[in-house]
């Protein structure tokens, strides 16, 4: 079971209305979507198929097995495992050349860290990739990670965030899901967070996401801090 390291992760803050924040990775924490889209296009082209920007945008936020199935239908004659490995390798090559954190992400992580609010990662990327990316952060901001290869049902199913809440409950006494925020950039992701009962906050990026009463919208993480997260989501409102 994941545990907090007091030297690198904050202890739960008993005086905070906000009890935890669960973060998506691709497109929310850092900008990997162009790498994924390029990798998909290259793979389809290798097998003589065509792949449009709209095709790529339709996969943003999807579970990797679901994306692999779409690519197979587009003519990629590889197994699901082979497709996932090829895509992940190509994306990591791009990240190793240049990593771009989303605007405001590092600043918000640091503020949450200083406030003692536990953060967890909930991503459809696989564990090996997520671990490499988190190692690039200036501090160990995340107490745990939930990855696509650790769940049976990927986003938009609520399972990834339900697993995240279970891990968070091991670290935060008397956890109240209505005091936990989920940060997402895609329709599958925000749907997953909302379905799990979190206060879901959408920070749109590449793919369009419809408005909904099930989530809250901010244009950029540069507009967000602990106080505004509580105000936006109604955490602590009487």
Foldseek 3Di string as FASTA:
>chain_A
DFDDDVVFFFAAFPPALFAAEEEEPDPFFWPLLVQLLVLLQVQLVVQPFHADPVNSLVCVQPQQLVVLVVSVVRGRPDDSVVSLVSSLVSSVVVVVVPIGTFPQNLVQLVQCRVNRHAYEYQYSRDDVSVVVVCVPRPTNSHRYYQYNVNDPDGFPALVSVLVVVVVSCVRTPPDDQASYEYEEADQRRQNNSLVSPHAYEYQHDDHDDDDDPSYFYDPGSVVDHSVVVCVRSVRPPD
